[in-house]
Amino acid sequence: MRLRIQQWPSLGVIAASAWNELAGDNPFLSHAFLMALERSGCVGPGTTWQPAYLTASDDTGFVGALPLYIKYDSRGEFVFDWSWADAYERAGRSYYPKLVAAVPFTPATGARMLLRAGADPAVGRALIQAAREAAVALDASSLHVLFPTEGEASVLEAEGLLARKSCQFHWHNDGYADFDDFLARFSSAKRKKAKRERRRIAEAGITFEHLRGDEPTAADWDTIFECYSRTFAQHGRPPYLNREFFDEIVSTMPGSLVVILARYQSAPIATALCFRSADTLYGRYWGSVADFHSLHFETCYYQGIDYCIRGGLQNFEPGTQGEHKISRGFTPQATWSYHWLRDREFQAAIGNFLRREARHVDAYMAELDEHVPYRELPDPIVFSASEG
């Protein structure tokens, strides 16, 4: 198999149909989403995310791709390596630039080696090898593959990347008939707490809408963006995404965007901005312009779960962090990243650190499993058929 590997400074030079054939159903890997980041200026010139996409092609066209970026800091990655950068600086070396195979500002698991259906796995290996070579040519310190699927682990490890384990909290649909059926699986105390939280919102007169991206009015979107921006302002930083980005995705991929909109006396007061694939809801951004008890839990979690049950979606990934998600029905889920550092001494030192860190993550997840709200069901009684 003869492959041609190319690097591109923009996805705009690649046909959407050719890219989407590789990207599949994941909304964050779609040509529209990645181009919205570029066209809005959230990535590209003047930012610390510089596109450097890789593609692999043969005589039939594209057979693989890698969403790759040159990074000049570690913001917007959600896999924290600031201490690694500090160690490089103390050693008199530069950690930046580095190369990152990821979706900017999006800690959602998905394929990173985008392969055409039926493609030889060697295509994935060739893309990672090309990314390492690009790091050397750029004099970058390292290559990082963030939130890949478990199925990609064998290729990444075979290519010398170190596995880093982390934890998120996800919800899985166990065939629930409706929201009450979901809550019926909780222990009595946790079920009462969830019902009390939901009742507070209902009694306050707050209502909810589940909307496609193009269904909110322009005035609604003004409030939605204000809610989103306020969340970042409360943490003392500007938002990762600008209004132009949201205008772009409303235009180009409205069916992949789910807006959970809370209203009080007809006015929008809070929102959870989500994306969806055929089987998964991804909660990404939350914000509010009002303060009601339990508004965050209802908007971000209960409404999303209700949406999944009604629509038959199997998974709900509400984003990073948040142990408070456990009592609302989310369970610990391992997530992964993979890392290759050009300096062998640093690679060895970080490998030792990651092995120790993984043991702590395992212990953390085991402890959290003891606090999930679901009742323990008795083992089924098996009756053997009598003879004679």
Protein backbone atom coordinates (compact mmCIF):
# COMPACT_ATOMS: atom_id res chain seq x y z
CA MET A 1 0.00 0.00 0.00
CA ARG A 2 1.45 3.33 -1.11
CA LEU A 3 0.19 6.29 0.88
CA ARG A 4 0.61 9.98 0.30
CA ILE A 5 0.66 11.98 3.53
CA GLN A 6 -0.13 15.69 3.29
CA GLN A 7 -0.38 18.49 5.82
CA TRP A 8 -2.93 21.28 5.49
CA PRO A 9 -3.03 24.67 7.28
CA SER A 10 -6.81 24.86 6.85
CA LEU A 11 -9.67 22.45 6.40
CA GLY A 12 -11.13 24.87 3.87
CA VAL A 13 -9.04 23.34 1.09
CA ILE A 14 -10.54 19.88 1.69
CA ALA A 15 -14.00 19.08 0.35
CA ALA A 16 -16.58 18.64 3.09
CA SER A 17 -17.86 15.39 1.59
CA ALA A 18 -14.38 13.86 1.50
CA TRP A 19 -13.65 14.83 5.11
CA ASN A 20 -17.06 13.77 6.44
CA GLU A 21 -16.70 10.34 4.86
CA LEU A 22 -13.80 9.84 7.26
CA ALA A 23 -15.30 11.68 10.26
CA GLY A 24 -18.51 9.67 10.49
CA ASP A 25 -21.33 10.65 12.84
CA ASN A 26 -19.36 12.53 15.51
CA PRO A 27 -20.53 16.18 15.34
CA PHE A 28 -17.23 17.59 16.63
CA LEU A 29 -15.22 15.93 13.88
CA SER A 30 -17.50 17.17 11.12
CA HIS A 31 -16.18 19.53 8.47
CA ALA A 32 -18.81 22.09 9.52
CA PHE A 33 -17.77 22.16 13.19
CA LEU A 34 -14.04 22.39 12.53
CA MET A 35 -14.51 25.01 9.82
CA ALA A 36 -16.74 27.05 12.14
CA LEU A 37 -13.79 27.22 14.55
CA GLU A 38 -11.59 28.49 11.73
CA ARG A 39 -14.02 30.93 10.12
CA SER A 40 -14.91 32.50 13.46
CA GLY A 41 -11.25 32.99 14.38
CA CYS A 42 -11.46 30.74 17.45
CA VAL A 43 -8.52 28.81 16.00
CA GLY A 44 -5.96 29.91 13.44
CA PRO A 45 -4.02 33.18 13.08
CA GLY A 46 -3.75 35.14 16.31
CA THR A 47 -4.66 32.16 18.52
CA THR A 48 -2.67 29.40 20.20
CA TRP A 49 -4.41 26.74 18.05
CA GLN A 50 -2.86 26.55 14.58
CA PRO A 51 -4.45 23.96 12.26
CA ALA A 52 -2.03 21.43 10.76
CA TYR A 53 -4.40 18.68 9.58
CA LEU A 54 -2.88 15.50 8.18
CA THR A 55 -4.44 13.37 5.46
CA ALA A 56 -3.47 10.03 3.97
CA SER A 57 -4.51 9.18 0.42
CA ASP A 58 -3.99 6.47 -2.14
CA ASP A 59 -5.08 6.12 -5.75
CA THR A 60 -8.74 6.08 -4.68
CA GLY A 61 -8.62 9.31 -2.66
CA PHE A 62 -8.51 10.05 1.06
CA VAL A 63 -8.27 6.96 3.26
CA GLY A 64 -7.40 8.63 6.57
CA ALA A 65 -6.96 11.91 8.41
CA LEU A 66 -5.74 13.31 11.73
CA PRO A 67 -7.19 16.54 13.22
CA LEU A 68 -3.85 18.03 14.25
CA TYR A 69 -2.97 21.42 15.72
CA ILE A 70 0.20 23.26 16.62
CA LYS A 71 -0.27 24.52 20.20
CA TYR A 72 1.49 27.36 21.97
CA ASP A 73 -0.10 26.81 25.39
CA SER A 74 -2.29 24.14 27.01
CA ARG A 75 -5.61 26.00 27.25
CA GLY A 76 -8.76 24.42 25.92
CA GLU A 77 -7.40 20.85 26.00
CA PHE A 78 -8.81 19.49 29.31
CA VAL A 79 -5.84 17.15 29.72
CA PHE A 80 -3.65 19.10 32.06
CA ASP A 81 0.08 19.17 31.38
CA TRP A 82 1.03 22.56 32.80
CA SER A 83 3.39 20.87 35.27
CA TRP A 84 5.17 19.19 32.37
CA ALA A 85 5.67 22.60 30.75
CA ASP A 86 7.03 23.95 34.04
CA ALA A 87 9.48 21.05 34.27
CA TYR A 88 10.73 21.79 30.76
CA GLU A 89 11.18 25.46 31.65
CA ARG A 90 13.13 24.60 34.82
CA ALA A 91 15.37 22.41 32.70
CA GLY A 92 16.06 25.34 30.38
CA ARG A 93 13.99 23.92 27.51
CA SER A 94 10.83 24.97 25.76
CA TYR A 95 7.69 22.84 25.96
CA TYR A 96 5.89 24.91 23.33
CA PRO A 97 5.14 24.53 20.55
CA LYS A 98 3.71 21.05 20.79
CA LEU A 99 1.40 19.08 18.48
CA VAL A 100 -2.06 18.05 19.61
CA ALA A 101 -4.45 15.68 17.83
CA ALA A 102 -7.77 16.76 19.27
CA VAL A 103 -10.92 18.79 18.77
CA PRO A 104 -10.29 22.25 20.24
CA PHE A 105 -12.15 23.08 23.45
CA THR A 106 -13.95 19.71 23.36
CA PRO A 107 -13.20 16.99 25.94
CA ALA A 108 -15.41 14.39 24.25
CA THR A 109 -14.17 10.95 23.29
CA GLY A 110 -14.08 10.25 19.58
CA ALA A 111 -11.89 8.81 16.85
CA ARG A 112 -8.69 10.71 16.22
CA MET A 113 -7.28 8.55 13.45
CA LEU A 114 -10.13 9.05 11.01
CA LEU A 115 -10.13 6.06 8.68
CA ARG A 116 -12.30 5.28 5.70
CA ALA A 117 -14.48 2.22 6.21
CA GLY A 118 -12.44 -0.90 5.49
CA ALA A 119 -9.12 0.95 5.49
CA ASP A 120 -5.99 -0.93 6.52
CA PRO A 121 -5.04 -0.16 10.18
CA ALA A 122 -1.60 0.69 8.79
CA VAL A 123 -3.13 4.00 7.66
CA GLY A 124 -3.55 5.02 11.30
CA ARG A 125 0.02 4.08 12.10
CA ALA A 126 1.23 6.09 9.10
CA LEU A 127 -0.66 9.17 10.32
CA ILE A 128 0.87 8.96 13.81
CA GLN A 129 4.33 8.44 12.34
CA ALA A 130 3.80 11.49 10.13
CA ALA A 131 2.67 13.52 13.16
CA ARG A 132 5.86 12.58 15.02
CA GLU A 133 7.93 13.57 11.98
CA ALA A 134 6.04 16.88 11.85
CA ALA A 135 6.93 17.48 15.50
CA VAL A 136 10.61 16.98 14.72
CA ALA A 137 10.44 19.27 11.68
CA LEU A 138 8.71 21.97 13.75
CA ASP A 139 11.11 21.48 16.67
CA ALA A 140 8.04 20.81 18.83
CA SER A 141 8.55 19.13 22.16
CA SER A 142 5.86 16.51 21.87
CA LEU A 143 2.77 14.95 20.32
CA HIS A 144 -0.47 14.48 22.28
CA VAL A 145 -3.59 12.58 21.21
CA LEU A 146 -6.53 13.63 23.39
CA PHE A 147 -9.73 11.67 24.09
CA PRO A 148 -9.32 8.93 21.45
CA THR A 149 -11.46 5.82 21.45
CA GLU A 150 -10.32 2.68 23.25
CA GLY A 151 -10.10 0.96 19.88
CA GLU A 152 -7.26 3.27 18.90
CA ALA A 153 -5.16 2.41 21.95
CA SER A 154 -3.22 -0.45 20.39
CA VAL A 155 -1.96 1.65 17.48
CA LEU A 156 -1.03 4.59 19.71
CA GLU A 157 0.84 2.42 22.20
CA ALA A 158 2.59 0.52 19.40
CA GLU A 159 3.81 3.87 18.08
CA GLY A 160 5.40 4.68 21.42
CA LEU A 161 2.80 6.99 22.95
CA LEU A 162 2.22 6.82 26.71
CA ALA A 163 -1.33 6.22 27.96
CA ARG A 164 -2.82 8.63 30.48
CA LYS A 165 -6.01 7.63 32.28
CA SER A 166 -8.58 10.10 33.53
CA CYS A 167 -12.24 10.05 34.57
CA GLN A 168 -15.48 11.65 33.47
CA PHE A 169 -19.08 10.99 34.46
CA HIS A 170 -21.42 9.61 31.83
CA TRP A 171 -25.03 8.45 31.72
CA HIS A 172 -26.13 5.29 29.92
CA ASN A 173 -29.65 4.46 28.86
CA ASP A 174 -30.72 1.17 30.40
CA GLY A 175 -33.87 0.96 28.30
CA TYR A 176 -35.82 3.40 30.50
CA ALA A 177 -39.46 3.84 29.50
CA ASP A 178 -39.55 7.40 30.83
CA PHE A 179 -37.93 9.62 33.45
CA ASP A 180 -39.96 8.09 36.27
CA ASP A 181 -38.69 4.66 35.26
CA PHE A 182 -35.15 6.03 35.43
CA LEU A 183 -35.68 7.42 38.92
CA ALA A 184 -37.31 4.16 40.02
CA ARG A 185 -33.85 2.55 39.73
CA PHE A 186 -32.51 4.93 42.44
CA SER A 187 -32.35 4.15 46.11
CA SER A 188 -35.21 5.71 48.05
CA ALA A 189 -33.16 8.58 49.55
CA LYS A 190 -31.51 9.53 46.24
CA ARG A 191 -34.84 9.33 44.40
CA LYS A 192 -36.47 11.70 46.92
CA LYS A 193 -33.59 14.15 46.53
CA ALA A 194 -33.84 14.16 42.74
CA LYS A 195 -37.62 14.62 42.84
CA ARG A 196 -37.24 17.47 45.33
CA GLU A 197 -34.75 19.24 43.04
CA ARG A 198 -37.06 18.90 40.07
CA ARG A 199 -40.08 20.00 42.10
CA ARG A 200 -38.33 23.22 43.17
CA ILE A 201 -37.90 24.21 39.54
CA ALA A 202 -41.46 23.34 38.56
CA GLU A 203 -42.92 25.20 41.53
CA ALA A 204 -40.86 28.27 40.63
CA GLY A 205 -42.71 28.36 37.31
CA ILE A 206 -39.67 27.59 35.14
CA THR A 207 -40.36 25.77 31.89
CA PHE A 208 -38.03 24.13 29.38
CA GLU A 209 -37.75 23.78 25.65
CA HIS A 210 -35.56 21.38 23.68
CA LEU A 211 -34.70 23.14 20.42
CA ARG A 212 -32.69 22.54 17.28
CA GLY A 213 -29.96 25.06 16.76
CA ASP A 214 -32.00 27.07 14.26
CA GLU A 215 -35.18 27.22 16.36
CA PRO A 216 -34.30 29.88 18.99
CA THR A 217 -34.96 33.43 17.85
CA ALA A 218 -32.18 35.96 17.36
CA ALA A 219 -33.18 37.52 20.71
CA ASP A 220 -33.03 34.10 22.36
CA TRP A 221 -29.53 33.62 20.95
CA ASP A 222 -28.48 36.96 22.43
CA THR A 223 -29.44 35.62 25.87
CA ILE A 224 -27.96 32.18 25.17
CA PHE A 225 -24.60 33.70 24.31
CA GLU A 226 -24.80 35.97 27.34
CA CYS A 227 -25.41 32.92 29.54
CA TYR A 228 -22.47 31.11 27.99
CA SER A 229 -20.15 34.11 28.40
CA ARG A 230 -21.19 34.71 32.02
CA THR A 231 -20.03 31.22 33.00
CA PHE A 232 -16.52 32.01 31.78
CA ALA A 233 -16.58 35.49 33.31
CA GLN A 234 -17.35 33.95 36.71
CA HIS A 235 -14.05 32.07 36.37
CA GLY A 236 -12.18 35.21 35.35
CA ARG A 237 -11.51 34.41 31.72
CA PRO A 238 -13.00 35.13 28.29
CA PRO A 239 -15.04 32.42 26.56
CA TYR A 240 -13.29 30.01 24.24
CA LEU A 241 -15.91 30.52 21.53
CA ASN A 242 -17.32 33.75 20.11
CA ARG A 243 -20.75 34.68 18.80
CA GLU A 244 -19.57 34.21 15.21
CA PHE A 245 -18.87 30.55 15.94
CA PHE A 246 -22.40 29.93 17.16
CA ASP A 247 -23.89 31.85 14.23
CA GLU A 248 -21.87 29.63 11.91
CA ILE A 249 -22.96 26.30 13.37
CA VAL A 250 -26.59 27.43 13.53
CA SER A 251 -26.30 27.98 9.79
CA THR A 252 -24.27 24.91 8.83
CA MET A 253 -25.18 22.13 11.31
CA PRO A 254 -28.39 23.08 13.17
CA GLY A 255 -29.59 19.48 13.43
CA SER A 256 -26.51 18.53 15.47
CA LEU A 257 -27.05 21.31 18.00
CA VAL A 258 -29.52 20.82 20.89
CA VAL A 259 -30.43 23.94 22.88
CA ILE A 260 -32.00 23.24 26.26
CA LEU A 261 -33.61 26.57 27.09
CA ALA A 262 -35.11 27.48 30.47
CA ARG A 263 -37.75 30.22 30.59
CA TYR A 264 -39.21 32.16 33.49
CA GLN A 265 -42.28 34.28 32.75
CA SER A 266 -41.60 33.63 29.04
CA ALA A 267 -38.07 35.10 29.18
CA PRO A 268 -35.00 32.88 28.64
CA ILE A 269 -32.96 32.64 31.84
CA ALA A 270 -30.64 29.64 31.43
CA THR A 271 -29.36 27.29 28.80
CA ALA A 272 -27.40 24.10 28.25
CA LEU A 273 -25.87 23.90 24.80
CA CYS A 274 -25.46 20.32 23.62
CA PHE A 275 -24.48 18.47 20.49
CA ARG A 276 -25.76 15.10 19.41
CA SER A 277 -24.87 12.14 17.23
CA ALA A 278 -27.19 9.29 16.35
CA ASP A 279 -26.81 7.69 19.79
CA THR A 280 -25.10 10.21 22.11
CA LEU A 281 -25.88 13.61 23.60
CA TYR A 282 -22.85 15.76 24.46
CA GLY A 283 -23.41 18.49 27.04
CA ARG A 284 -20.93 21.27 26.34
CA TYR A 285 -21.82 24.71 27.67
CA TRP A 286 -24.05 26.02 30.46
CA GLY A 287 -24.95 29.43 31.75
CA SER A 288 -27.72 31.45 33.37
CA VAL A 289 -28.78 35.03 33.98
CA ALA A 290 -30.91 34.16 37.01
CA ASP A 291 -30.43 32.36 40.32
CA PHE A 292 -32.87 29.61 41.23
CA HIS A 293 -32.20 26.67 43.52
CA SER A 294 -31.39 23.50 41.49
CA LEU A 295 -31.55 25.35 38.14
CA HIS A 296 -28.12 24.05 37.14
CA PHE A 297 -28.97 20.43 37.92
CA GLU A 298 -32.27 20.58 36.04
CA THR A 299 -30.94 22.39 32.99
CA CYS A 300 -27.68 20.49 32.56
CA TYR A 301 -28.53 17.00 33.75
CA TYR A 302 -32.18 16.08 34.24
CA GLN A 303 -33.35 17.78 31.04
CA GLY A 304 -30.58 16.10 29.05
CA ILE A 305 -31.42 12.69 30.48
CA ASP A 306 -35.10 13.26 29.68
CA TYR A 307 -34.14 14.23 26.11
CA CYS A 308 -32.14 11.03 25.70
CA ILE A 309 -34.91 8.81 27.06
CA ARG A 310 -37.54 10.40 24.85
CA GLY A 311 -35.32 10.25 21.78
CA GLY A 312 -33.84 6.81 22.36
CA LEU A 313 -30.25 8.03 22.69
CA GLN A 314 -28.01 5.59 24.50
CA ASN A 315 -25.42 7.88 26.09
CA PHE A 316 -25.12 11.32 27.64
CA GLU A 317 -21.68 12.84 28.16
CA PRO A 318 -22.13 16.10 30.10
CA GLY A 319 -18.50 17.24 30.02
CA THR A 320 -15.56 17.13 32.39
CA GLN A 321 -15.29 17.00 36.18
CA GLY A 322 -18.17 17.25 38.64
CA GLU A 323 -18.61 14.60 41.31
CA HIS A 324 -22.05 16.11 41.93
CA LYS A 325 -23.14 14.37 38.73
CA ILE A 326 -23.04 10.98 40.46
CA SER A 327 -26.12 11.56 42.60
CA ARG A 328 -27.99 12.60 39.43
CA GLY A 329 -27.43 9.25 37.73
CA PHE A 330 -24.04 9.57 36.06
CA THR A 331 -21.34 6.97 36.63
CA PRO A 332 -17.51 7.11 36.45
CA GLN A 333 -16.11 6.42 33.00
CA ALA A 334 -12.44 6.14 32.09
CA THR A 335 -11.14 8.51 29.42
CA TRP A 336 -7.73 8.48 27.81
CA SER A 337 -5.01 10.54 26.24
CA TYR A 338 -1.68 9.51 24.70
CA HIS A 339 1.65 11.33 24.78
CA TRP A 340 4.99 11.18 23.02
CA LEU A 341 7.89 13.43 24.04
CA ARG A 342 10.93 13.80 21.87
CA ASP A 343 13.27 13.99 24.86
CA ARG A 344 13.83 10.41 26.04
CA GLU A 345 14.58 11.39 29.64
CA PHE A 346 11.38 13.37 29.91
CA GLN A 347 9.48 10.55 28.20
CA ALA A 348 10.76 8.09 30.80
CA ALA A 349 10.01 10.42 33.72
CA ILE A 350 6.48 11.13 32.51
CA GLY A 351 5.91 7.43 31.91
CA ASN A 352 6.72 6.77 35.58
CA PHE A 353 4.40 9.60 36.64
CA LEU A 354 1.53 8.29 34.51
CA ARG A 355 1.80 4.80 35.98
CA ARG A 356 1.52 6.24 39.50
CA GLU A 357 -1.27 8.57 38.47
CA ALA A 358 -3.27 5.71 36.92
CA ARG A 359 -3.29 3.87 40.25
CA HIS A 360 -4.79 6.95 41.91
CA VAL A 361 -7.40 7.26 39.15
CA ASP A 362 -8.34 3.60 39.60
CA ALA A 363 -8.74 4.08 43.36
CA TYR A 364 -10.75 7.27 42.82
CA MET A 365 -13.14 5.56 40.40
CA ALA A 366 -13.55 2.56 42.70
CA GLU A 367 -14.46 4.88 45.58
CA LEU A 368 -16.96 6.77 43.42
CA ASP A 369 -18.63 3.53 42.38
CA GLU A 370 -19.68 3.15 46.02
CA HIS A 371 -21.77 6.32 45.78
CA VAL A 372 -23.82 5.81 42.61
CA PRO A 373 -27.54 6.28 43.33
CA TYR A 374 -28.79 3.05 41.79
CA ARG A 375 -30.29 0.34 43.95
CA GLU A 376 -28.46 -2.97 44.12
CA LEU A 377 -30.71 -5.52 42.52
CA PRO A 378 -30.81 -9.03 44.00
CA ASP A 379 -29.29 -11.81 41.96
CA PRO A 380 -31.95 -13.67 39.97
CA ILE A 381 -33.15 -16.98 41.39
CA VAL A 382 -32.50 -19.80 38.99
CA PHE A 383 -34.83 -22.80 39.22
CA SER A 384 -33.64 -26.07 37.74
CA ALA A 385 -36.21 -28.19 35.97
CA SER A 386 -37.19 -31.28 37.94
CA GLU A 387 -36.71 -34.65 36.37
CA GLY A 388 -39.32 -37.31 35.85
